[in-house]
Amino acid sequence: MKYIKLSTSFNFGEVVSVIIASVLLPFLPETPIQLLVEGLLYDFGQLTLPFDNVDEDYLKKPRKFNIKSLKNFMLFMGPLSSAFDIIVFAILLLVFKLQDAAIFQTIWFSYSIVSNLLGMHIIRTAKIPFVQSNAHKLVYFSSILLAIIGVVIPFTWLGNLIGLVPIPFEYLPVIILVPILYCFVALIAKKIYIRKYNEWI
């Protein structure tokens, strides 16, 4: 359920972001190959979820797969991640006045990986992550490793192969600070969702 709800909410949010960006921007926000590589890296992080710790509260009674619950989760959390994508677009376009397609695509590529991997820790538990509920060591390790890869890959030949370019250092705070802000907002959204639907994962 963690994997399914994470995938549907983040993928739905990204689809919305791509549609909005494609209308507003004079270039593609990311190329198809960049989206595929980004998704592959994020999926590697999710592959560690079968090893993850499960909160004792969740194990107290049997759980059934519920399509309505999945739909509610996707429509609630997906637009939230999309809203932060749009914040990144606005910062790049309105604050930095960025018009270079390759740099724009690279920043969103790295931001999306870091944001999704951080967001995974918010979504994986109904509790406060890192404080009330800790993930398995493999989940932590893969998240840190893949976030670093997501930032470093534009500086490598592989990044160049898929159209990424080295990220100017003035843009790095966008890639790091906006995902952290997203996590705080997602924590508040999680409380609202639990209060409304009396469930989480």
N, C-alpha and C. Protein backbone atom coordinates (compact mmCIF):
# COMPACT_ATOMS: atom_id res chain seq x y z
N MET A 1 0.82 -1.21 0.00
CA MET A 1 0.00 0.00 0.00
C MET A 1 0.86 1.26 0.00
N LYS A 2 1.98 1.22 0.71
CA LYS A 2 2.88 2.37 0.68
C LYS A 2 3.33 2.65 -0.75
N TYR A 3 3.77 1.60 -1.42
CA TYR A 3 4.29 1.76 -2.78
C TYR A 3 3.19 2.27 -3.72
N ILE A 4 2.02 1.66 -3.63
CA ILE A 4 0.93 2.01 -4.56
C ILE A 4 0.49 3.45 -4.34
N LYS A 5 0.29 3.84 -3.08
CA LYS A 5 -0.18 5.21 -2.81
C LYS A 5 0.90 6.25 -3.13
N LEU A 6 2.15 5.91 -2.84
CA LEU A 6 3.24 6.82 -3.21
C LEU A 6 3.30 7.02 -4.72
N SER A 7 3.26 5.92 -5.45
CA SER A 7 3.39 5.98 -6.91
C SER A 7 2.24 6.74 -7.55
N THR A 8 1.02 6.41 -7.14
CA THR A 8 -0.13 7.06 -7.78
C THR A 8 -0.18 8.55 -7.47
N SER A 9 0.10 8.93 -6.22
CA SER A 9 0.01 10.35 -5.86
C SER A 9 1.10 11.17 -6.53
N PHE A 10 2.36 10.70 -6.48
CA PHE A 10 3.45 11.46 -7.09
C PHE A 10 3.34 11.48 -8.62
N ASN A 11 2.96 10.33 -9.21
CA ASN A 11 2.84 10.30 -10.68
C ASN A 11 1.69 11.17 -11.16
N PHE A 12 0.57 11.15 -10.43
CA PHE A 12 -0.55 12.01 -10.78
C PHE A 12 -0.14 13.48 -10.69
N GLY A 13 0.56 13.83 -9.61
CA GLY A 13 1.03 15.20 -9.44
C GLY A 13 1.97 15.62 -10.55
N GLU A 14 2.85 14.71 -10.95
CA GLU A 14 3.81 15.06 -11.99
C GLU A 14 3.13 15.22 -13.35
N VAL A 15 2.14 14.39 -13.62
CA VAL A 15 1.38 14.52 -14.88
C VAL A 15 0.71 15.90 -14.94
N VAL A 16 0.09 16.30 -13.84
CA VAL A 16 -0.55 17.63 -13.77
C VAL A 16 0.49 18.72 -14.01
N SER A 17 1.66 18.57 -13.38
CA SER A 17 2.72 19.58 -13.52
C SER A 17 3.21 19.67 -14.96
N VAL A 18 3.39 18.53 -15.60
CA VAL A 18 3.87 18.51 -16.99
C VAL A 18 2.86 19.18 -17.91
N ILE A 19 1.58 18.91 -17.69
CA ILE A 19 0.53 19.53 -18.52
C ILE A 19 0.53 21.04 -18.35
N ILE A 20 0.56 21.50 -17.09
CA ILE A 20 0.55 22.94 -16.81
C ILE A 20 1.79 23.60 -17.40
N ALA A 21 2.97 22.98 -17.17
CA ALA A 21 4.22 23.57 -17.67
C ALA A 21 4.25 23.59 -19.19
N SER A 22 3.71 22.56 -19.82
CA SER A 22 3.72 22.50 -21.29
C SER A 22 2.88 23.61 -21.90
N VAL A 23 1.84 24.04 -21.16
CA VAL A 23 1.00 25.14 -21.64
C VAL A 23 1.69 26.48 -21.43
N LEU A 24 2.37 26.62 -20.28
CA LEU A 24 2.94 27.92 -19.91
C LEU A 24 4.33 28.18 -20.49
N LEU A 25 5.10 27.12 -20.70
CA LEU A 25 6.50 27.29 -21.11
C LEU A 25 6.65 27.20 -22.63
N PRO A 26 7.65 27.89 -23.18
CA PRO A 26 7.90 27.80 -24.63
C PRO A 26 8.73 26.57 -24.99
N PHE A 27 9.04 25.71 -23.99
CA PHE A 27 9.80 24.49 -24.22
C PHE A 27 9.28 23.40 -23.29
N LEU A 28 9.64 22.15 -23.54
CA LEU A 28 9.22 21.05 -22.68
C LEU A 28 9.88 21.18 -21.31
N PRO A 29 9.13 21.02 -20.22
CA PRO A 29 9.74 21.11 -18.88
C PRO A 29 10.75 19.99 -18.64
N GLU A 30 10.53 18.84 -19.27
CA GLU A 30 11.49 17.73 -19.26
C GLU A 30 11.26 16.92 -20.52
N THR A 31 12.32 16.36 -21.05
CA THR A 31 12.18 15.51 -22.23
C THR A 31 11.70 14.13 -21.79
N PRO A 32 11.13 13.35 -22.71
CA PRO A 32 10.66 12.01 -22.34
C PRO A 32 11.73 11.13 -21.71
N ILE A 33 12.96 11.17 -22.24
CA ILE A 33 14.03 10.32 -21.68
C ILE A 33 14.40 10.78 -20.28
N GLN A 34 14.37 12.08 -20.04
CA GLN A 34 14.66 12.60 -18.70
C GLN A 34 13.59 12.15 -17.70
N LEU A 35 12.33 12.19 -18.11
CA LEU A 35 11.24 11.73 -17.24
C LEU A 35 11.39 10.24 -16.92
N LEU A 36 11.80 9.46 -17.92
CA LEU A 36 11.97 8.02 -17.71
C LEU A 36 13.11 7.73 -16.74
N VAL A 37 14.23 8.41 -16.91
CA VAL A 37 15.39 8.20 -16.02
C VAL A 37 15.05 8.67 -14.61
N GLU A 38 14.38 9.81 -14.51
CA GLU A 38 13.95 10.32 -13.20
C GLU A 38 13.04 9.30 -12.50
N GLY A 39 12.06 8.78 -13.23
CA GLY A 39 11.15 7.79 -12.66
C GLY A 39 11.86 6.52 -12.25
N LEU A 40 12.86 6.12 -13.05
CA LEU A 40 13.63 4.91 -12.75
C LEU A 40 14.41 5.07 -11.44
N LEU A 41 15.06 6.22 -11.28
CA LEU A 41 15.83 6.47 -10.05
C LEU A 41 14.91 6.49 -8.82
N TYR A 42 13.77 7.14 -8.96
CA TYR A 42 12.82 7.21 -7.85
C TYR A 42 12.28 5.82 -7.53
N ASP A 43 12.02 5.02 -8.57
CA ASP A 43 11.51 3.66 -8.34
C ASP A 43 12.54 2.79 -7.63
N PHE A 44 13.83 3.01 -7.90
CA PHE A 44 14.86 2.28 -7.16
C PHE A 44 14.74 2.55 -5.66
N GLY A 45 14.42 3.81 -5.31
CA GLY A 45 14.22 4.15 -3.90
C GLY A 45 13.02 3.42 -3.31
N GLN A 46 11.96 3.32 -4.10
CA GLN A 46 10.75 2.65 -3.61
C GLN A 46 10.93 1.14 -3.50
N LEU A 47 11.89 0.57 -4.22
CA LEU A 47 12.12 -0.88 -4.16
C LEU A 47 12.56 -1.33 -2.76
N THR A 48 13.00 -0.41 -1.93
CA THR A 48 13.40 -0.79 -0.57
C THR A 48 12.21 -0.82 0.40
N LEU A 49 11.04 -0.37 -0.05
CA LEU A 49 9.88 -0.32 0.86
C LEU A 49 9.46 -1.69 1.40
N PRO A 50 9.61 -2.81 0.67
CA PRO A 50 9.26 -4.10 1.27
C PRO A 50 10.06 -4.43 2.54
N PHE A 51 11.23 -3.79 2.69
CA PHE A 51 12.05 -4.01 3.88
C PHE A 51 11.71 -3.02 5.00
N ASP A 52 10.82 -2.07 4.71
CA ASP A 52 10.57 -0.98 5.65
C ASP A 52 9.87 -1.45 6.92
N ASN A 53 10.11 -0.70 8.00
CA ASN A 53 9.39 -0.94 9.25
C ASN A 53 7.94 -0.53 9.09
N VAL A 54 7.05 -1.22 9.77
CA VAL A 54 5.62 -0.89 9.73
C VAL A 54 5.18 -0.51 11.14
N ASP A 55 4.47 0.61 11.25
CA ASP A 55 4.00 1.06 12.56
C ASP A 55 3.07 0.02 13.19
N GLU A 56 3.24 -0.17 14.49
CA GLU A 56 2.44 -1.18 15.20
C GLU A 56 0.94 -0.91 15.07
N ASP A 57 0.54 0.35 15.09
CA ASP A 57 -0.88 0.71 14.97
C ASP A 57 -1.49 0.15 13.69
N TYR A 58 -0.68 0.11 12.64
CA TYR A 58 -1.18 -0.33 11.33
C TYR A 58 -1.42 -1.84 11.31
N LEU A 59 -0.75 -2.55 12.19
CA LEU A 59 -0.82 -4.02 12.19
C LEU A 59 -1.87 -4.58 13.14
N LYS A 60 -2.62 -3.72 13.79
CA LYS A 60 -3.58 -4.18 14.81
C LYS A 60 -4.78 -4.89 14.21
N LYS A 61 -5.10 -4.58 12.95
CA LYS A 61 -6.25 -5.25 12.33
C LYS A 61 -5.94 -5.50 10.85
N PRO A 62 -6.60 -6.48 10.25
CA PRO A 62 -6.36 -6.77 8.82
C PRO A 62 -6.75 -5.58 7.94
N ARG A 63 -6.05 -5.44 6.84
CA ARG A 63 -6.32 -4.34 5.91
C ARG A 63 -6.78 -4.90 4.57
N LYS A 64 -7.71 -4.21 3.94
CA LYS A 64 -8.18 -4.59 2.62
C LYS A 64 -7.80 -3.52 1.61
N PHE A 65 -7.55 -3.97 0.38
CA PHE A 65 -7.27 -3.01 -0.69
C PHE A 65 -8.55 -2.25 -1.02
N ASN A 66 -8.47 -0.93 -0.97
CA ASN A 66 -9.65 -0.09 -1.12
C ASN A 66 -9.41 0.94 -2.22
N ILE A 67 -10.10 0.77 -3.34
CA ILE A 67 -9.92 1.67 -4.48
C ILE A 67 -10.32 3.10 -4.13
N LYS A 68 -11.41 3.25 -3.37
CA LYS A 68 -11.86 4.59 -3.00
C LYS A 68 -10.81 5.30 -2.15
N SER A 69 -10.19 4.57 -1.24
CA SER A 69 -9.13 5.13 -0.42
C SER A 69 -7.95 5.57 -1.27
N LEU A 70 -7.60 4.75 -2.26
CA LEU A 70 -6.50 5.07 -3.17
C LEU A 70 -6.82 6.33 -3.96
N LYS A 71 -8.06 6.43 -4.46
CA LYS A 71 -8.48 7.61 -5.23
C LYS A 71 -8.43 8.86 -4.37
N ASN A 72 -8.95 8.78 -3.14
CA ASN A 72 -8.92 9.93 -2.23
C ASN A 72 -7.49 10.39 -1.97
N PHE A 73 -6.60 9.43 -1.75
CA PHE A 73 -5.21 9.75 -1.45
C PHE A 73 -4.55 10.42 -2.65
N MET A 74 -4.75 9.85 -3.83
CA MET A 74 -4.15 10.38 -5.05
C MET A 74 -4.62 11.80 -5.33
N LEU A 75 -5.93 12.03 -5.19
CA LEU A 75 -6.49 13.35 -5.50
C LEU A 75 -6.17 14.39 -4.42
N PHE A 76 -5.79 13.93 -3.23
CA PHE A 76 -5.45 14.85 -2.14
C PHE A 76 -3.96 15.21 -2.16
N MET A 77 -3.10 14.19 -2.24
CA MET A 77 -1.66 14.42 -2.14
C MET A 77 -1.03 14.75 -3.49
N GLY A 78 -1.60 14.25 -4.59
CA GLY A 78 -1.03 14.52 -5.91
C GLY A 78 -0.97 16.01 -6.24
N PRO A 79 -2.09 16.73 -6.12
CA PRO A 79 -2.05 18.17 -6.41
C PRO A 79 -1.12 18.95 -5.49
N LEU A 80 -0.90 18.45 -4.27
CA LEU A 80 0.02 19.14 -3.36
C LEU A 80 1.44 19.11 -3.91
N SER A 81 1.88 17.93 -4.38
CA SER A 81 3.23 17.87 -4.95
C SER A 81 3.30 18.69 -6.24
N SER A 82 2.20 18.71 -6.99
CA SER A 82 2.15 19.51 -8.21
C SER A 82 2.26 21.01 -7.90
N ALA A 83 1.64 21.43 -6.81
CA ALA A 83 1.69 22.84 -6.41
C ALA A 83 3.13 23.28 -6.15
N PHE A 84 3.93 22.38 -5.56
CA PHE A 84 5.33 22.74 -5.30
C PHE A 84 6.16 22.71 -6.58
N ASP A 85 5.79 21.85 -7.53
CA ASP A 85 6.44 21.91 -8.84
C ASP A 85 6.21 23.29 -9.46
N ILE A 86 4.99 23.78 -9.36
CA ILE A 86 4.65 25.09 -9.94
C ILE A 86 5.40 26.21 -9.20
N ILE A 87 5.59 26.05 -7.89
CA ILE A 87 6.39 27.02 -7.13
C ILE A 87 7.81 27.07 -7.69
N VAL A 88 8.37 25.89 -7.98
CA VAL A 88 9.72 25.84 -8.56
C VAL A 88 9.74 26.53 -9.92
N PHE A 89 8.72 26.25 -10.75
CA PHE A 89 8.63 26.92 -12.06
C PHE A 89 8.61 28.44 -11.87
N ALA A 90 7.79 28.91 -10.93
CA ALA A 90 7.65 30.35 -10.70
C ALA A 90 8.97 30.97 -10.24
N ILE A 91 9.67 30.29 -9.35
CA ILE A 91 10.96 30.79 -8.87
C ILE A 91 11.95 30.91 -10.03
N LEU A 92 12.01 29.87 -10.85
CA LEU A 92 12.97 29.88 -11.96
C LEU A 92 12.63 30.94 -13.00
N LEU A 93 11.34 31.10 -13.28
CA LEU A 93 10.93 32.03 -14.34
C LEU A 93 10.85 33.47 -13.87
N LEU A 94 10.31 33.68 -12.66
CA LEU A 94 10.03 35.05 -12.19
C LEU A 94 11.16 35.63 -11.35
N VAL A 95 11.83 34.79 -10.57
CA VAL A 95 12.91 35.29 -9.71
C VAL A 95 14.24 35.26 -10.45
N PHE A 96 14.57 34.10 -11.03
CA PHE A 96 15.86 33.96 -11.72
C PHE A 96 15.78 34.37 -13.20
N LYS A 97 14.55 34.59 -13.71
CA LYS A 97 14.36 34.95 -15.12
C LYS A 97 15.02 33.94 -16.05
N LEU A 98 14.92 32.67 -15.70
CA LEU A 98 15.59 31.62 -16.45
C LEU A 98 14.83 31.30 -17.73
N GLN A 99 15.54 31.33 -18.86
CA GLN A 99 14.93 31.02 -20.16
C GLN A 99 15.68 29.90 -20.89
N ASP A 100 16.72 29.39 -20.26
CA ASP A 100 17.52 28.32 -20.87
C ASP A 100 16.82 26.98 -20.63
N ALA A 101 16.37 26.34 -21.70
CA ALA A 101 15.59 25.11 -21.57
C ALA A 101 16.38 23.99 -20.90
N ALA A 102 17.65 23.83 -21.27
CA ALA A 102 18.46 22.73 -20.73
C ALA A 102 18.67 22.88 -19.22
N ILE A 103 18.96 24.10 -18.77
CA ILE A 103 19.15 24.33 -17.33
C ILE A 103 17.83 24.14 -16.59
N PHE A 104 16.74 24.64 -17.15
CA PHE A 104 15.42 24.49 -16.54
C PHE A 104 15.09 23.01 -16.37
N GLN A 105 15.27 22.23 -17.44
CA GLN A 105 14.96 20.80 -17.40
C GLN A 105 15.83 20.07 -16.38
N THR A 106 17.09 20.47 -16.30
CA THR A 106 18.01 19.82 -15.36
C THR A 106 17.62 20.11 -13.92
N ILE A 107 17.27 21.35 -13.64
CA ILE A 107 16.87 21.71 -12.27
C ILE A 107 15.63 20.95 -11.87
N TRP A 108 14.64 20.88 -12.77
CA TRP A 108 13.41 20.17 -12.41
C TRP A 108 13.66 18.67 -12.27
N PHE A 109 14.56 18.13 -13.08
CA PHE A 109 14.94 16.72 -12.98
C PHE A 109 15.48 16.41 -11.59
N SER A 110 16.48 17.19 -11.15
CA SER A 110 17.11 16.96 -9.84
C SER A 110 16.14 17.27 -8.70
N TYR A 111 15.40 18.36 -8.84
CA TYR A 111 14.43 18.72 -7.80
C TYR A 111 13.39 17.62 -7.61
N SER A 112 12.88 17.08 -8.71
CA SER A 112 11.83 16.07 -8.62
C SER A 112 12.31 14.82 -7.88
N ILE A 113 13.54 14.41 -8.15
CA ILE A 113 14.08 13.22 -7.48
C ILE A 113 14.24 13.48 -5.99
N VAL A 114 14.85 14.61 -5.63
CA VAL A 114 15.05 14.93 -4.21
C VAL A 114 13.71 15.09 -3.50
N SER A 115 12.78 15.80 -4.13
CA SER A 115 11.47 16.05 -3.53
C SER A 115 10.69 14.75 -3.31
N ASN A 116 10.68 13.87 -4.31
CA ASN A 116 9.93 12.62 -4.19
C ASN A 116 10.54 11.70 -3.15
N LEU A 117 11.86 11.66 -3.08
CA LEU A 117 12.51 10.79 -2.09
C LEU A 117 12.28 11.30 -0.67
N LEU A 118 12.32 12.62 -0.49
CA LEU A 118 12.00 13.18 0.83
C LEU A 118 10.53 12.98 1.16
N GLY A 119 9.68 13.22 0.17
CA GLY A 119 8.25 13.06 0.38
C GLY A 119 7.87 11.63 0.71
N MET A 120 8.64 10.67 0.22
CA MET A 120 8.38 9.26 0.53
C MET A 120 8.41 9.02 2.03
N HIS A 121 9.28 9.71 2.73
CA HIS A 121 9.39 9.52 4.19
C HIS A 121 8.20 10.16 4.93
N ILE A 122 7.63 11.19 4.36
CA ILE A 122 6.43 11.78 4.95
C ILE A 122 5.24 10.84 4.77
N ILE A 123 5.14 10.24 3.60
CA ILE A 123 3.97 9.44 3.25
C ILE A 123 4.04 8.01 3.81
N ARG A 124 5.24 7.49 4.06
CA ARG A 124 5.37 6.09 4.46
C ARG A 124 4.79 5.78 5.84
N THR A 125 4.45 6.78 6.62
CA THR A 125 3.90 6.57 7.96
C THR A 125 2.87 7.64 8.28
N ALA A 126 1.89 7.26 9.11
CA ALA A 126 0.90 8.24 9.56
C ALA A 126 1.48 9.13 10.66
N LYS A 127 2.62 8.73 11.20
CA LYS A 127 3.25 9.47 12.29
C LYS A 127 4.24 10.49 11.75
N ILE A 128 4.94 11.16 12.65
CA ILE A 128 5.96 12.13 12.22
C ILE A 128 7.24 11.35 11.90
N PRO A 129 7.68 11.38 10.64
CA PRO A 129 8.88 10.61 10.28
C PRO A 129 10.13 11.16 10.96
N PHE A 130 11.10 10.31 11.14
CA PHE A 130 12.38 10.64 11.77
C PHE A 130 12.26 10.87 13.27
N VAL A 131 11.04 11.07 13.77
CA VAL A 131 10.84 11.35 15.20
C VAL A 131 10.02 10.24 15.84
N GLN A 132 8.78 10.07 15.37
CA GLN A 132 7.90 9.05 15.93
C GLN A 132 7.99 7.72 15.19
N SER A 133 8.47 7.74 13.97
CA SER A 133 8.56 6.52 13.17
C SER A 133 9.80 6.58 12.29
N ASN A 134 10.66 5.57 12.44
CA ASN A 134 11.88 5.52 11.64
C ASN A 134 11.77 4.46 10.56
N ALA A 135 12.27 4.79 9.39
CA ALA A 135 12.29 3.84 8.29
C ALA A 135 13.41 2.82 8.51
N HIS A 136 13.37 1.74 7.74
CA HIS A 136 14.44 0.75 7.74
C HIS A 136 15.72 1.41 7.22
N LYS A 137 16.86 0.91 7.67
CA LYS A 137 18.15 1.47 7.25
C LYS A 137 18.31 1.46 5.73
N LEU A 138 17.80 0.43 5.07
CA LEU A 138 17.90 0.36 3.61
C LEU A 138 17.13 1.50 2.94
N VAL A 139 15.98 1.87 3.52
CA VAL A 139 15.17 2.96 2.97
C VAL A 139 15.93 4.28 3.12
N TYR A 140 16.51 4.49 4.29
CA TYR A 140 17.31 5.70 4.51
C TYR A 140 18.51 5.74 3.55
N PHE A 141 19.21 4.62 3.47
CA PHE A 141 20.42 4.56 2.64
C PHE A 141 20.10 4.84 1.18
N SER A 142 19.06 4.19 0.65
CA SER A 142 18.71 4.37 -0.76
C SER A 142 18.24 5.79 -1.04
N SER A 143 17.50 6.37 -0.09
CA SER A 143 17.01 7.75 -0.28
C SER A 143 18.17 8.74 -0.36
N ILE A 144 19.12 8.60 0.55
CA ILE A 144 20.28 9.51 0.57
C ILE A 144 21.12 9.31 -0.69
N LEU A 145 21.40 8.05 -1.02
CA LEU A 145 22.24 7.75 -2.18
C LEU A 145 21.61 8.26 -3.47
N LEU A 146 20.32 7.98 -3.66
CA LEU A 146 19.66 8.36 -4.91
C LEU A 146 19.45 9.87 -5.00
N ALA A 147 19.25 10.54 -3.87
CA ALA A 147 19.14 12.01 -3.89
C ALA A 147 20.47 12.62 -4.33
N ILE A 148 21.57 12.06 -3.83
CA ILE A 148 22.90 12.54 -4.24
C ILE A 148 23.11 12.28 -5.73
N ILE A 149 22.73 11.08 -6.19
CA ILE A 149 22.86 10.75 -7.62
C ILE A 149 22.03 11.72 -8.46
N GLY A 150 20.81 12.04 -7.98
CA GLY A 150 19.94 12.95 -8.71
C GLY A 150 20.53 14.34 -8.90
N VAL A 151 21.33 14.77 -7.93
CA VAL A 151 21.97 16.09 -8.03
C VAL A 151 23.26 16.02 -8.82
N VAL A 152 23.97 14.90 -8.71
CA VAL A 152 25.29 14.77 -9.34
C VAL A 152 25.21 14.37 -10.81
N ILE A 153 24.19 13.61 -11.19
CA ILE A 153 24.12 13.05 -12.55
C ILE A 153 24.20 14.11 -13.66
N PRO A 154 23.68 15.34 -13.47
CA PRO A 154 23.83 16.33 -14.55
C PRO A 154 25.28 16.70 -14.83
N PHE A 155 26.18 16.42 -13.88
CA PHE A 155 27.59 16.76 -14.06
C PHE A 155 28.38 15.63 -14.71
N THR A 156 27.69 14.54 -15.09
CA THR A 156 28.36 13.37 -15.63
C THR A 156 28.05 13.18 -17.11
N TRP A 157 28.76 12.24 -17.74
CA TRP A 157 28.53 11.93 -19.16
C TRP A 157 27.13 11.37 -19.38
N LEU A 158 26.61 10.64 -18.39
CA LEU A 158 25.27 10.09 -18.52
C LEU A 158 24.22 11.20 -18.56
N GLY A 159 24.41 12.20 -17.70
CA GLY A 159 23.52 13.36 -17.72
C GLY A 159 23.57 14.06 -19.06
N ASN A 160 24.78 14.24 -19.57
CA ASN A 160 24.95 14.88 -20.87
C ASN A 160 24.27 14.07 -21.98
N LEU A 161 24.30 12.74 -21.84
CA LEU A 161 23.71 11.85 -22.83
C LEU A 161 22.19 12.03 -22.93
N ILE A 162 21.54 12.36 -21.81
CA ILE A 162 20.08 12.53 -21.82
C ILE A 162 19.66 14.01 -21.84
N GLY A 163 20.63 14.87 -22.13
CA GLY A 163 20.30 16.29 -22.32
C GLY A 163 20.39 17.15 -21.09
N LEU A 164 20.95 16.62 -19.99
CA LEU A 164 21.12 17.43 -18.78
C LEU A 164 22.44 18.19 -18.87
N VAL A 165 22.52 19.29 -18.12
CA VAL A 165 23.73 20.11 -18.11
C VAL A 165 24.12 20.38 -16.66
N PRO A 166 25.40 20.71 -16.41
CA PRO A 166 25.79 21.05 -15.03
C PRO A 166 24.93 22.19 -14.47
N ILE A 167 24.51 22.03 -13.22
CA ILE A 167 23.62 23.02 -12.60
C ILE A 167 24.45 24.15 -12.01
N PRO A 168 24.21 25.40 -12.42
CA PRO A 168 24.89 26.53 -11.77
C PRO A 168 24.56 26.53 -10.27
N PHE A 169 25.57 26.83 -9.44
CA PHE A 169 25.42 26.66 -8.00
C PHE A 169 24.35 27.56 -7.38
N GLU A 170 24.02 28.67 -8.03
CA GLU A 170 22.99 29.55 -7.46
C GLU A 170 21.61 28.91 -7.46
N TYR A 171 21.44 27.84 -8.27
CA TYR A 171 20.13 27.17 -8.31
C TYR A 171 20.02 26.01 -7.33
N LEU A 172 21.11 25.61 -6.71
CA LEU A 172 21.08 24.46 -5.80
C LEU A 172 20.14 24.65 -4.60
N PRO A 173 20.02 25.88 -4.04
CA PRO A 173 19.06 26.05 -2.94
C PRO A 173 17.63 25.70 -3.33
N VAL A 174 17.26 25.92 -4.60
CA VAL A 174 15.91 25.55 -5.06
C VAL A 174 15.72 24.04 -4.94
N ILE A 175 16.75 23.29 -5.32
CA ILE A 175 16.68 21.84 -5.32
C ILE A 175 16.65 21.28 -3.90
N ILE A 176 17.24 21.99 -2.96
CA ILE A 176 17.34 21.50 -1.58
C ILE A 176 16.25 22.07 -0.68
N LEU A 177 16.03 23.38 -0.74
CA LEU A 177 15.14 24.04 0.22
C LEU A 177 13.66 23.85 -0.09
N VAL A 178 13.29 23.87 -1.36
CA VAL A 178 11.87 23.69 -1.71
C VAL A 178 11.36 22.31 -1.28
N PRO A 179 12.11 21.21 -1.50
CA PRO A 179 11.65 19.91 -0.99
C PRO A 179 11.48 19.88 0.53
N ILE A 180 12.36 20.60 1.25
CA ILE A 180 12.22 20.64 2.71
C ILE A 180 10.94 21.37 3.09
N LEU A 181 10.65 22.48 2.41
CA LEU A 181 9.40 23.20 2.64
C LEU A 181 8.21 22.31 2.32
N TYR A 182 8.31 21.56 1.22
CA TYR A 182 7.23 20.64 0.85
C TYR A 182 6.95 19.64 1.98
N CYS A 183 8.00 19.15 2.60
CA CYS A 183 7.83 18.17 3.68
C CYS A 183 7.05 18.76 4.85
N PHE A 184 7.34 19.98 5.23
CA PHE A 184 6.61 20.61 6.33
C PHE A 184 5.13 20.81 5.98
N VAL A 185 4.88 21.24 4.75
CA VAL A 185 3.49 21.43 4.32
C VAL A 185 2.78 20.08 4.21
N ALA A 186 3.49 19.07 3.72
CA ALA A 186 2.91 17.73 3.60
C ALA A 186 2.55 17.15 4.97
N LEU A 187 3.32 17.48 5.99
CA LEU A 187 3.00 17.03 7.35
C LEU A 187 1.66 17.61 7.80
N ILE A 188 1.45 18.89 7.50
CA ILE A 188 0.17 19.53 7.85
C ILE A 188 -0.95 18.91 7.03
N ALA A 189 -0.71 18.69 5.73
CA ALA A 189 -1.72 18.07 4.87
C ALA A 189 -2.07 16.67 5.36
N LYS A 190 -1.07 15.97 5.86
CA LYS A 190 -1.30 14.61 6.36
C LYS A 190 -2.26 14.63 7.56
N LYS A 191 -2.07 15.58 8.45
CA LYS A 191 -2.97 15.70 9.61
C LYS A 191 -4.40 15.99 9.16
N ILE A 192 -4.53 16.87 8.18
CA ILE A 192 -5.87 17.22 7.67
C ILE A 192 -6.52 16.00 7.03
N TYR A 193 -5.73 15.26 6.25
CA TYR A 193 -6.26 14.06 5.56
C TYR A 193 -6.71 13.02 6.58
N ILE A 194 -5.89 12.76 7.58
CA ILE A 194 -6.23 11.75 8.60
C ILE A 194 -7.48 12.16 9.36
N ARG A 195 -7.59 13.46 9.66
CA ARG A 195 -8.78 13.95 10.37
C ARG A 195 -10.03 13.81 9.50
N LYS A 196 -9.88 14.00 8.19
CA LYS A 196 -11.01 13.94 7.28
C LYS A 196 -11.44 12.51 6.97
N TYR A 197 -10.47 11.63 6.70
CA TYR A 197 -10.78 10.27 6.24
C TYR A 197 -10.54 9.19 7.30
N ASN A 198 -9.94 9.58 8.42
CA ASN A 198 -9.66 8.65 9.52
C ASN A 198 -8.78 7.47 9.05
N GLU A 199 -7.84 7.75 8.17
CA GLU A 199 -6.90 6.74 7.69
C GLU A 199 -5.72 7.46 7.06
N TRP A 200 -4.68 6.70 6.73
CA TRP A 200 -3.56 7.24 5.98
C TRP A 200 -3.15 6.24 4.90
N ILE A 201 -2.21 5.36 5.21
CA ILE A 201 -1.81 4.36 4.22
C ILE A 201 -2.82 3.20 4.24
